[in-house]
Amino acid sequence: MSIEEKIENHIRQFPVSLVNYLKSDYQEDLMVVIDDLLPHDVREGMETEARRLLSEEALRREVIIAQSGNTPRAYDSVGRNVIREQGEYIPAFFDSPSILNFFSRITGETLYRVPYAPEEFIINSQNKTGDTHGWHWDDYSYALVWVIDEPDVFSGARVEFIPRVPWKKTATREWIKDVLTENTIRSRHVSQGQCYLLRARDALHRISPLTSASRRTVIVFTYANDLDLNDPELTHDSMETIYPQDTQA
């Protein structure tokens, strides 16, 4: 049985009540945590693959991103090209029609694989004290983040976000200050084996700094909607800064 057949059979068994619950949870703040999205063997295969690629192919990323108001990025990462060339489970997850259709049911709109290959999927690992993925918005509307290694609950590296906030690209740093001052920050600790779907184009978000000797490893998958596919002003400046090998920047 192929990976896609296993995923399709697994998702088909989800009761309607569960799907409706996830839809409702997502609509509340445009973020939903999902348990048991994959059959056990596929999940194990994807997690093992991510750890192997990190150990063999990771590059250190420590940059300040001007496009997001000079916020920091500090973590080890494997870019899309290596994963596509050497991976099996991670590309299969991204390419899965069953996964794409399921997320469309949750969000209430049609989702697409991103047309910009470097943003398809990446592996990130915060593993040093202070490692962070600073405040930002995504280029595309949806991020699905799969937690491979869970940090200690007291060690930071939490998902922090403010939903329903647009990105003001002409004055980003001042806008971030205003948004953080005037709004309540949602904070979530997502456990190993869980994933979360976030409308990341419309949410100011970050992964808070790691505060002790722990580790947070994730696979980030990116999806587009009709707004993204018809937006002539959509750019990839941040990706080109962080992943020059994959974007040929």
C-alpha atoms as a PDB file:
ATOM      1  CA  MET A   1       0.000   0.000   0.000  1.00  0.00           C
ATOM      2  CA  SER A   2       1.393   3.406  -0.948  1.00  0.00           C
ATOM      3  CA  ILE A   3       1.871   6.269   1.505  1.00  0.00           C
ATOM      4  CA  GLU A   4      -1.040   8.114  -0.080  1.00  0.00           C
ATOM      5  CA  GLU A   5      -3.325   5.089   0.190  1.00  0.00           C
ATOM      6  CA  LYS A   6      -2.473   4.765   3.877  1.00  0.00           C
ATOM      7  CA  ILE A   7      -3.180   8.471   4.470  1.00  0.00           C
ATOM      8  CA  GLU A   8      -6.440   8.341   2.520  1.00  0.00           C
ATOM      9  CA  ASN A   9      -7.703   5.278   4.421  1.00  0.00           C
ATOM     10  CA  HIS A  10      -6.756   6.845   7.756  1.00  0.00           C
ATOM     11  CA  ILE A  11      -8.499  10.173   7.124  1.00  0.00           C
ATOM     12  CA  ARG A  12     -11.590   8.427   5.774  1.00  0.00           C
ATOM     13  CA  GLN A  13     -12.131   6.953   9.237  1.00  0.00           C
ATOM     14  CA  PHE A  14     -12.408  10.366  10.948  1.00  0.00           C
ATOM     15  CA  PRO A  15     -15.957  10.856  12.278  1.00  0.00           C
ATOM     16  CA  VAL A  16     -17.922  13.860  11.064  1.00  0.00           C
ATOM     17  CA  SER A  17     -18.090  15.121  14.646  1.00  0.00           C
ATOM     18  CA  LEU A  18     -14.287  15.359  14.785  1.00  0.00           C
ATOM     19  CA  VAL A  19     -14.097  17.245  11.512  1.00  0.00           C
ATOM     20  CA  ASN A  20     -16.785  19.664  12.680  1.00  0.00           C
ATOM     21  CA  TYR A  21     -14.941  20.202  15.958  1.00  0.00           C
ATOM     22  CA  LEU A  22     -11.692  21.010  14.137  1.00  0.00           C
ATOM     23  CA  LYS A  23     -13.529  23.403  11.820  1.00  0.00           C
ATOM     24  CA  SER A  24     -15.040  25.216  14.787  1.00  0.00           C
ATOM     25  CA  ASP A  25     -11.738  25.343  16.648  1.00  0.00           C
ATOM     26  CA  TYR A  26      -9.981  26.734  13.580  1.00  0.00           C
ATOM     27  CA  GLN A  27     -12.586  29.463  13.032  1.00  0.00           C
ATOM     28  CA  GLU A  28     -12.180  30.732  16.605  1.00  0.00           C
ATOM     29  CA  ASP A  29      -8.662  32.114  16.121  1.00  0.00           C
ATOM     30  CA  LEU A  30      -7.548  30.775  12.705  1.00  0.00           C
ATOM     31  CA  MET A  31      -5.333  28.138  14.319  1.00  0.00           C
ATOM     32  CA  VAL A  32      -6.082  24.524  15.176  1.00  0.00           C
ATOM     33  CA  VAL A  33      -3.998  21.752  16.755  1.00  0.00           C
ATOM     34  CA  ILE A  34      -4.602  18.310  15.229  1.00  0.00           C
ATOM     35  CA  ASP A  35      -3.891  14.908  16.819  1.00  0.00           C
ATOM     36  CA  ASP A  36      -3.428  11.605  14.976  1.00  0.00           C
ATOM     37  CA  LEU A  37      -3.548  13.088  11.491  1.00  0.00           C
ATOM     38  CA  LEU A  38      -1.456  10.216  10.102  1.00  0.00           C
ATOM     39  CA  PRO A  39      -1.390   6.454  10.588  1.00  0.00           C
ATOM     40  CA  HIS A  40       1.312   5.429  13.048  1.00  0.00           C
ATOM     41  CA  ASP A  41       3.769   3.940  10.543  1.00  0.00           C
ATOM     42  CA  VAL A  42       3.597   6.979   8.245  1.00  0.00           C
ATOM     43  CA  ARG A  43       4.076   9.339  11.174  1.00  0.00           C
ATOM     44  CA  GLU A  44       7.094   7.341  12.375  1.00  0.00           C
ATOM     45  CA  GLY A  45       8.550   7.313   8.882  1.00  0.00           C
ATOM     46  CA  MET A  46       8.204  11.077   8.537  1.00  0.00           C
ATOM     47  CA  GLU A  47       9.720  11.775  11.961  1.00  0.00           C
ATOM     48  CA  THR A  48      12.658   9.415  11.364  1.00  0.00           C
ATOM     49  CA  GLU A  49      13.264  10.998   7.969  1.00  0.00           C
ATOM     50  CA  ALA A  50      13.274  14.522   9.443  1.00  0.00           C
ATOM     51  CA  ARG A  51      15.779  13.595  12.159  1.00  0.00           C
ATOM     52  CA  ARG A  52      18.052  11.851   9.659  1.00  0.00           C
ATOM     53  CA  LEU A  53      18.068  14.800   7.277  1.00  0.00           C
ATOM     54  CA  LEU A  54      18.786  17.166  10.150  1.00  0.00           C
ATOM     55  CA  SER A  55      21.739  15.105  11.328  1.00  0.00           C
ATOM     56  CA  GLU A  56      23.194  14.791   7.821  1.00  0.00           C
ATOM     57  CA  GLU A  57      22.231  17.969   5.974  1.00  0.00           C
ATOM     58  CA  ALA A  58      21.331  20.784   8.395  1.00  0.00           C
ATOM     59  CA  LEU A  59      22.765  24.260   7.954  1.00  0.00           C
ATOM     60  CA  ARG A  60      22.867  26.870  10.697  1.00  0.00           C
ATOM     61  CA  ARG A  61      20.662  29.930  10.062  1.00  0.00           C
ATOM     62  CA  GLU A  62      21.331  33.075  12.096  1.00  0.00           C
ATOM     63  CA  VAL A  63      19.975  36.145  10.341  1.00  0.00           C
ATOM     64  CA  ILE A  64      18.036  39.341  10.942  1.00  0.00           C
ATOM     65  CA  ILE A  65      15.115  39.714   8.538  1.00  0.00           C
ATOM     66  CA  ALA A  66      14.582  43.302   7.398  1.00  0.00           C
ATOM     67  CA  GLN A  67      11.273  42.456   5.706  1.00  0.00           C
ATOM     68  CA  SER A  68       9.714  41.493   9.057  1.00  0.00           C
ATOM     69  CA  GLY A  69      10.888  44.521  10.990  1.00  0.00           C
ATOM     70  CA  ASN A  70      14.441  43.337  11.731  1.00  0.00           C
ATOM     71  CA  THR A  71      13.328  40.320  13.753  1.00  0.00           C
ATOM     72  CA  PRO A  72      15.759  37.430  14.308  1.00  0.00           C
ATOM     73  CA  ARG A  73      15.950  33.860  13.045  1.00  0.00           C
ATOM     74  CA  ALA A  74      18.268  31.382  14.764  1.00  0.00           C
ATOM     75  CA  TYR A  75      17.990  27.626  14.236  1.00  0.00           C
ATOM     76  CA  ASP A  76      19.350  24.667  12.282  1.00  0.00           C
ATOM     77  CA  SER A  77      17.456  23.934   9.087  1.00  0.00           C
ATOM     78  CA  VAL A  78      17.182  21.709   6.041  1.00  0.00           C
ATOM     79  CA  GLY A  79      15.808  23.388   2.934  1.00  0.00           C
ATOM     80  CA  ARG A  80      13.277  22.119   0.447  1.00  0.00           C
ATOM     81  CA  ASN A  81      15.670  20.932  -2.261  1.00  0.00           C
ATOM     82  CA  VAL A  82      17.513  18.433  -0.065  1.00  0.00           C
ATOM     83  CA  ILE A  83      14.226  17.137   1.353  1.00  0.00           C
ATOM     84  CA  ARG A  84      12.710  16.718  -2.119  1.00  0.00           C
ATOM     85  CA  GLU A  85      15.810  14.898  -3.380  1.00  0.00           C
ATOM     86  CA  GLN A  86      16.453  12.657  -0.375  1.00  0.00           C
ATOM     87  CA  GLY A  87      13.099  12.367   1.370  1.00  0.00           C
ATOM     88  CA  GLU A  88      10.163  10.063   0.823  1.00  0.00           C
ATOM     89  CA  TYR A  89       7.591  10.645   3.568  1.00  0.00           C
ATOM     90  CA  ILE A  90       7.826  14.439   3.806  1.00  0.00           C
ATOM     91  CA  PRO A  91       7.335  15.037   0.059  1.00  0.00           C
ATOM     92  CA  ALA A  92       4.538  12.431   0.021  1.00  0.00           C
ATOM     93  CA  PHE A  93       2.724  14.291   2.813  1.00  0.00           C
ATOM     94  CA  PHE A  94       2.960  17.587   0.954  1.00  0.00           C
ATOM     95  CA  ASP A  95       1.903  16.015  -2.344  1.00  0.00           C
ATOM     96  CA  SER A  96      -1.028  14.138  -0.774  1.00  0.00           C
ATOM     97  CA  PRO A  97      -4.449  15.009  -2.271  1.00  0.00           C
ATOM     98  CA  SER A  98      -6.092  13.559   0.840  1.00  0.00           C
ATOM     99  CA  ILE A  99      -4.226  15.952   3.132  1.00  0.00           C
ATOM    100  CA  LEU A 100      -4.994  18.915   0.883  1.00  0.00           C
ATOM    101  CA  ASN A 101      -8.697  18.059   0.745  1.00  0.00           C
ATOM    102  CA  PHE A 102      -8.833  17.579   4.521  1.00  0.00           C
ATOM    103  CA  PHE A 103      -7.324  21.006   5.187  1.00  0.00           C
ATOM    104  CA  SER A 104      -9.777  22.535   2.730  1.00  0.00           C
ATOM    105  CA  ARG A 105     -12.619  21.010   4.752  1.00  0.00           C
ATOM    106  CA  ILE A 106     -11.188  22.462   7.967  1.00  0.00           C
ATOM    107  CA  THR A 107     -10.652  25.980   6.621  1.00  0.00           C
ATOM    108  CA  GLY A 108     -13.720  26.223   4.418  1.00  0.00           C
ATOM    109  CA  GLU A 109     -11.779  27.304   1.341  1.00  0.00           C
ATOM    110  CA  THR A 110      -9.803  25.616  -1.402  1.00  0.00           C
ATOM    111  CA  LEU A 111      -6.138  25.107  -0.586  1.00  0.00           C
ATOM    112  CA  TYR A 112      -3.377  24.540  -3.127  1.00  0.00           C
ATOM    113  CA  ARG A 113       0.237  23.461  -3.069  1.00  0.00           C
ATOM    114  CA  VAL A 114       2.340  26.610  -3.218  1.00  0.00           C
ATOM    115  CA  PRO A 115       3.548  27.512  -6.712  1.00  0.00           C
ATOM    116  CA  TYR A 116       6.938  28.614  -5.350  1.00  0.00           C
ATOM    117  CA  ALA A 117       8.967  25.449  -4.795  1.00  0.00           C
ATOM    118  CA  PRO A 118      11.375  26.694  -2.050  1.00  0.00           C
ATOM    119  CA  GLU A 119       8.396  27.239   0.285  1.00  0.00           C
ATOM    120  CA  GLU A 120       6.915  23.750  -0.101  1.00  0.00           C
ATOM    121  CA  PHE A 121       8.486  22.340   3.055  1.00  0.00           C
ATOM    122  CA  ILE A 122      11.455  22.889   5.366  1.00  0.00           C
ATOM    123  CA  ILE A 123      12.784  21.327   8.579  1.00  0.00           C
ATOM    124  CA  ASN A 124      13.697  23.659  11.458  1.00  0.00           C
ATOM    125  CA  SER A 125      15.307  22.809  14.789  1.00  0.00           C
ATOM    126  CA  GLN A 126      15.757  25.198  17.708  1.00  0.00           C
ATOM    127  CA  ASN A 127      18.401  23.498  19.849  1.00  0.00           C
ATOM    128  CA  LYS A 128      20.500  26.233  21.443  1.00  0.00           C
ATOM    129  CA  THR A 129      19.470  28.600  24.219  1.00  0.00           C
ATOM    130  CA  GLY A 130      18.084  31.715  22.543  1.00  0.00           C
ATOM    131  CA  ASP A 131      17.167  30.028  19.263  1.00  0.00           C
ATOM    132  CA  THR A 132      14.021  31.629  17.878  1.00  0.00           C
ATOM    133  CA  HIS A 133      11.888  32.231  14.819  1.00  0.00           C
ATOM    134  CA  GLY A 134      11.069  35.891  15.383  1.00  0.00           C
ATOM    135  CA  TRP A 135       7.849  37.834  14.776  1.00  0.00           C
ATOM    136  CA  HIS A 136       6.690  37.735  11.168  1.00  0.00           C
ATOM    137  CA  TRP A 137       3.931  37.043   8.687  1.00  0.00           C
ATOM    138  CA  ASP A 138       4.128  34.346   5.996  1.00  0.00           C
ATOM    139  CA  ASP A 139       4.069  35.052   2.276  1.00  0.00           C
ATOM    140  CA  TYR A 140       1.354  32.436   1.697  1.00  0.00           C
ATOM    141  CA  SER A 141      -1.863  31.992   3.648  1.00  0.00           C
ATOM    142  CA  TYR A 142      -1.427  28.633   5.360  1.00  0.00           C
ATOM    143  CA  ALA A 143       1.306  26.936   7.364  1.00  0.00           C
ATOM    144  CA  LEU A 144       0.983  23.370   8.621  1.00  0.00           C
ATOM    145  CA  VAL A 145       3.621  22.710  11.259  1.00  0.00           C
ATOM    146  CA  TRP A 146       4.389  19.150  12.366  1.00  0.00           C
ATOM    147  CA  VAL A 147       6.201  18.842  15.727  1.00  0.00           C
ATOM    148  CA  ILE A 148       8.960  16.214  15.570  1.00  0.00           C
ATOM    149  CA  ASP A 149      10.773  17.047  18.823  1.00  0.00           C
ATOM    150  CA  GLU A 150       8.918  18.765  21.638  1.00  0.00           C
ATOM    151  CA  PRO A 151      10.769  21.159  23.951  1.00  0.00           C
ATOM    152  CA  ASP A 152      10.338  20.978  27.694  1.00  0.00           C
ATOM    153  CA  VAL A 153       7.137  22.854  28.552  1.00  0.00           C
ATOM    154  CA  PHE A 154       9.108  25.296  30.732  1.00  0.00           C
ATOM    155  CA  SER A 155      11.823  25.912  28.136  1.00  0.00           C
ATOM    156  CA  GLY A 156      10.150  28.344  25.775  1.00  0.00           C
ATOM    157  CA  ALA A 157       9.886  27.708  22.011  1.00  0.00           C
ATOM    158  CA  ARG A 158       6.123  28.211  22.241  1.00  0.00           C
ATOM    159  CA  VAL A 159       3.852  29.132  19.354  1.00  0.00           C
ATOM    160  CA  GLU A 160       2.823  32.760  19.907  1.00  0.00           C
ATOM    161  CA  PHE A 161       0.425  34.520  17.572  1.00  0.00           C
ATOM    162  CA  ILE A 162      -2.161  37.255  17.129  1.00  0.00           C
ATOM    163  CA  PRO A 163      -4.775  36.328  14.497  1.00  0.00           C
ATOM    164  CA  ARG A 164      -6.590  38.560  12.044  1.00  0.00           C
ATOM    165  CA  VAL A 165      -3.804  41.098  11.744  1.00  0.00           C
ATOM    166  CA  PRO A 166      -2.630  42.202   8.276  1.00  0.00           C
ATOM    167  CA  TRP A 167       1.005  42.737   7.339  1.00  0.00           C
ATOM    168  CA  LYS A 168       1.882  46.403   6.756  1.00  0.00           C
ATOM    169  CA  LYS A 169       4.965  46.005   4.633  1.00  0.00           C
ATOM    170  CA  THR A 170       5.762  49.715   4.397  1.00  0.00           C
ATOM    171  CA  ALA A 171       6.199  50.185   8.168  1.00  0.00           C
ATOM    172  CA  THR A 172       6.560  46.673   9.515  1.00  0.00           C
ATOM    173  CA  ARG A 173       8.590  47.286  12.681  1.00  0.00           C
ATOM    174  CA  GLU A 174       6.326  50.101  13.907  1.00  0.00           C
ATOM    175  CA  TRP A 175       3.264  48.030  13.058  1.00  0.00           C
ATOM    176  CA  ILE A 176       4.562  45.027  15.018  1.00  0.00           C
ATOM    177  CA  LYS A 177       5.127  47.250  18.057  1.00  0.00           C
ATOM    178  CA  ASP A 178       1.573  48.593  17.805  1.00  0.00           C
ATOM    179  CA  VAL A 179       0.038  45.133  17.358  1.00  0.00           C
ATOM    180  CA  LEU A 180       1.950  43.663  20.314  1.00  0.00           C
ATOM    181  CA  THR A 181       0.992  46.620  22.515  1.00  0.00           C
ATOM    182  CA  GLU A 182      -2.697  46.607  21.691  1.00  0.00           C
ATOM    183  CA  ASN A 183      -3.538  42.885  21.448  1.00  0.00           C
ATOM    184  CA  THR A 184      -3.518  39.725  23.532  1.00  0.00           C
ATOM    185  CA  ILE A 185      -0.891  37.218  22.425  1.00  0.00           C
ATOM    186  CA  ARG A 186      -2.114  33.622  22.122  1.00  0.00           C
ATOM    187  CA  SER A 187       0.472  31.119  23.358  1.00  0.00           C
ATOM    188  CA  ARG A 188       0.462  27.367  22.720  1.00  0.00           C
ATOM    189  CA  HIS A 189       2.751  24.495  23.610  1.00  0.00           C
ATOM    190  CA  VAL A 190       2.270  21.907  20.847  1.00  0.00           C
ATOM    191  CA  SER A 191       3.360  18.379  21.705  1.00  0.00           C
ATOM    192  CA  GLN A 192       5.475  15.915  19.758  1.00  0.00           C
ATOM    193  CA  GLY A 193       3.362  14.058  17.197  1.00  0.00           C
ATOM    194  CA  GLN A 194       0.822  16.868  16.934  1.00  0.00           C
ATOM    195  CA  CYS A 195       0.566  19.384  14.136  1.00  0.00           C
ATOM    196  CA  TYR A 196      -1.114  22.750  13.849  1.00  0.00           C
ATOM    197  CA  LEU A 197      -2.644  24.618  10.953  1.00  0.00           C
ATOM    198  CA  LEU A 198      -2.319  28.407  11.061  1.00  0.00           C
ATOM    199  CA  ARG A 199      -3.576  31.081   8.701  1.00  0.00           C
ATOM    200  CA  ALA A 200      -0.106  32.524   8.781  1.00  0.00           C
ATOM    201  CA  ARG A 201      -0.499  35.319   6.234  1.00  0.00           C
ATOM    202  CA  ASP A 202      -3.098  36.953   8.476  1.00  0.00           C
ATOM    203  CA  ALA A 203      -1.472  36.333  11.864  1.00  0.00           C
ATOM    204  CA  LEU A 204       1.526  38.000  13.417  1.00  0.00           C
ATOM    205  CA  HIS A 205       3.375  35.019  14.872  1.00  0.00           C
ATOM    206  CA  ARG A 206       6.662  33.677  16.133  1.00  0.00           C
ATOM    207  CA  ILE A 207       8.274  30.778  17.969  1.00  0.00           C
ATOM    208  CA  SER A 208       9.515  32.252  21.225  1.00  0.00           C
ATOM    209  CA  PRO A 209      13.196  31.871  22.207  1.00  0.00           C
ATOM    210  CA  LEU A 210      14.360  28.562  23.613  1.00  0.00           C
ATOM    211  CA  THR A 211      15.329  29.268  27.226  1.00  0.00           C
ATOM    212  CA  SER A 212      17.307  26.147  28.215  1.00  0.00           C
ATOM    213  CA  ALA A 213      18.961  23.013  26.883  1.00  0.00           C
ATOM    214  CA  SER A 214      16.009  21.528  25.052  1.00  0.00           C
ATOM    215  CA  ARG A 215      14.953  21.056  21.434  1.00  0.00           C
ATOM    216  CA  ARG A 216      12.035  21.933  19.169  1.00  0.00           C
ATOM    217  CA  THR A 217      12.148  20.297  15.745  1.00  0.00           C
ATOM    218  CA  VAL A 218       9.381  20.842  13.209  1.00  0.00           C
ATOM    219  CA  ILE A 219       8.512  20.292   9.575  1.00  0.00           C
ATOM    220  CA  VAL A 220       6.807  23.334   8.059  1.00  0.00           C
ATOM    221  CA  PHE A 221       4.522  22.794   5.064  1.00  0.00           C
ATOM    222  CA  THR A 222       3.127  25.790   3.171  1.00  0.00           C
ATOM    223  CA  TYR A 223      -0.168  25.992   1.268  1.00  0.00           C
ATOM    224  CA  ALA A 224      -1.813  28.702  -0.816  1.00  0.00           C
ATOM    225  CA  ASN A 225      -5.378  29.868  -1.391  1.00  0.00           C
ATOM    226  CA  ASP A 226      -7.003  31.807  -4.228  1.00  0.00           C
ATOM    227  CA  LEU A 227      -5.945  35.139  -2.691  1.00  0.00           C
ATOM    228  CA  ASP A 228      -2.293  34.117  -2.860  1.00  0.00           C
ATOM    229  CA  LEU A 229      -2.467  32.779  -6.392  1.00  0.00           C
ATOM    230  CA  ASN A 230      -3.944  36.063  -7.626  1.00  0.00           C
ATOM    231  CA  ASP A 231      -1.762  38.463  -5.642  1.00  0.00           C
ATOM    232  CA  PRO A 232       0.687  40.270  -7.954  1.00  0.00           C
ATOM    233  CA  GLU A 233       2.449  41.840  -4.950  1.00  0.00           C
ATOM    234  CA  LEU A 234       3.362  38.558  -3.249  1.00  0.00           C
ATOM    235  CA  THR A 235       7.148  38.312  -2.844  1.00  0.00           C
ATOM    236  CA  HIS A 236       9.653  35.878  -1.340  1.00  0.00           C
ATOM    237  CA  ASP A 237      12.242  38.238   0.141  1.00  0.00           C
ATOM    238  CA  SER A 238      12.465  36.562   3.554  1.00  0.00           C
ATOM    239  CA  MET A 239      12.863  33.098   2.048  1.00  0.00           C
ATOM    240  CA  GLU A 240      15.643  34.358  -0.208  1.00  0.00           C
ATOM    241  CA  THR A 241      17.486  35.754   2.813  1.00  0.00           C
ATOM    242  CA  ILE A 242      17.169  32.620   4.958  1.00  0.00           C
ATOM    243  CA  TYR A 243      17.472  29.939   2.250  1.00  0.00           C
ATOM    244  CA  PRO A 244      19.771  31.263  -0.514  1.00  0.00           C
ATOM    245  CA  GLN A 245      20.743  27.730  -1.570  1.00  0.00           C
ATOM    246  CA  ASP A 246      17.130  26.794  -2.332  1.00  0.00           C
ATOM    247  CA  THR A 247      16.038  30.121  -3.827  1.00  0.00           C
ATOM    248  CA  GLN A 248      19.289  30.731  -5.737  1.00  0.00           C
ATOM    249  CA  ALA A 249      19.270  34.245  -4.296  1.00  0.00           C
END
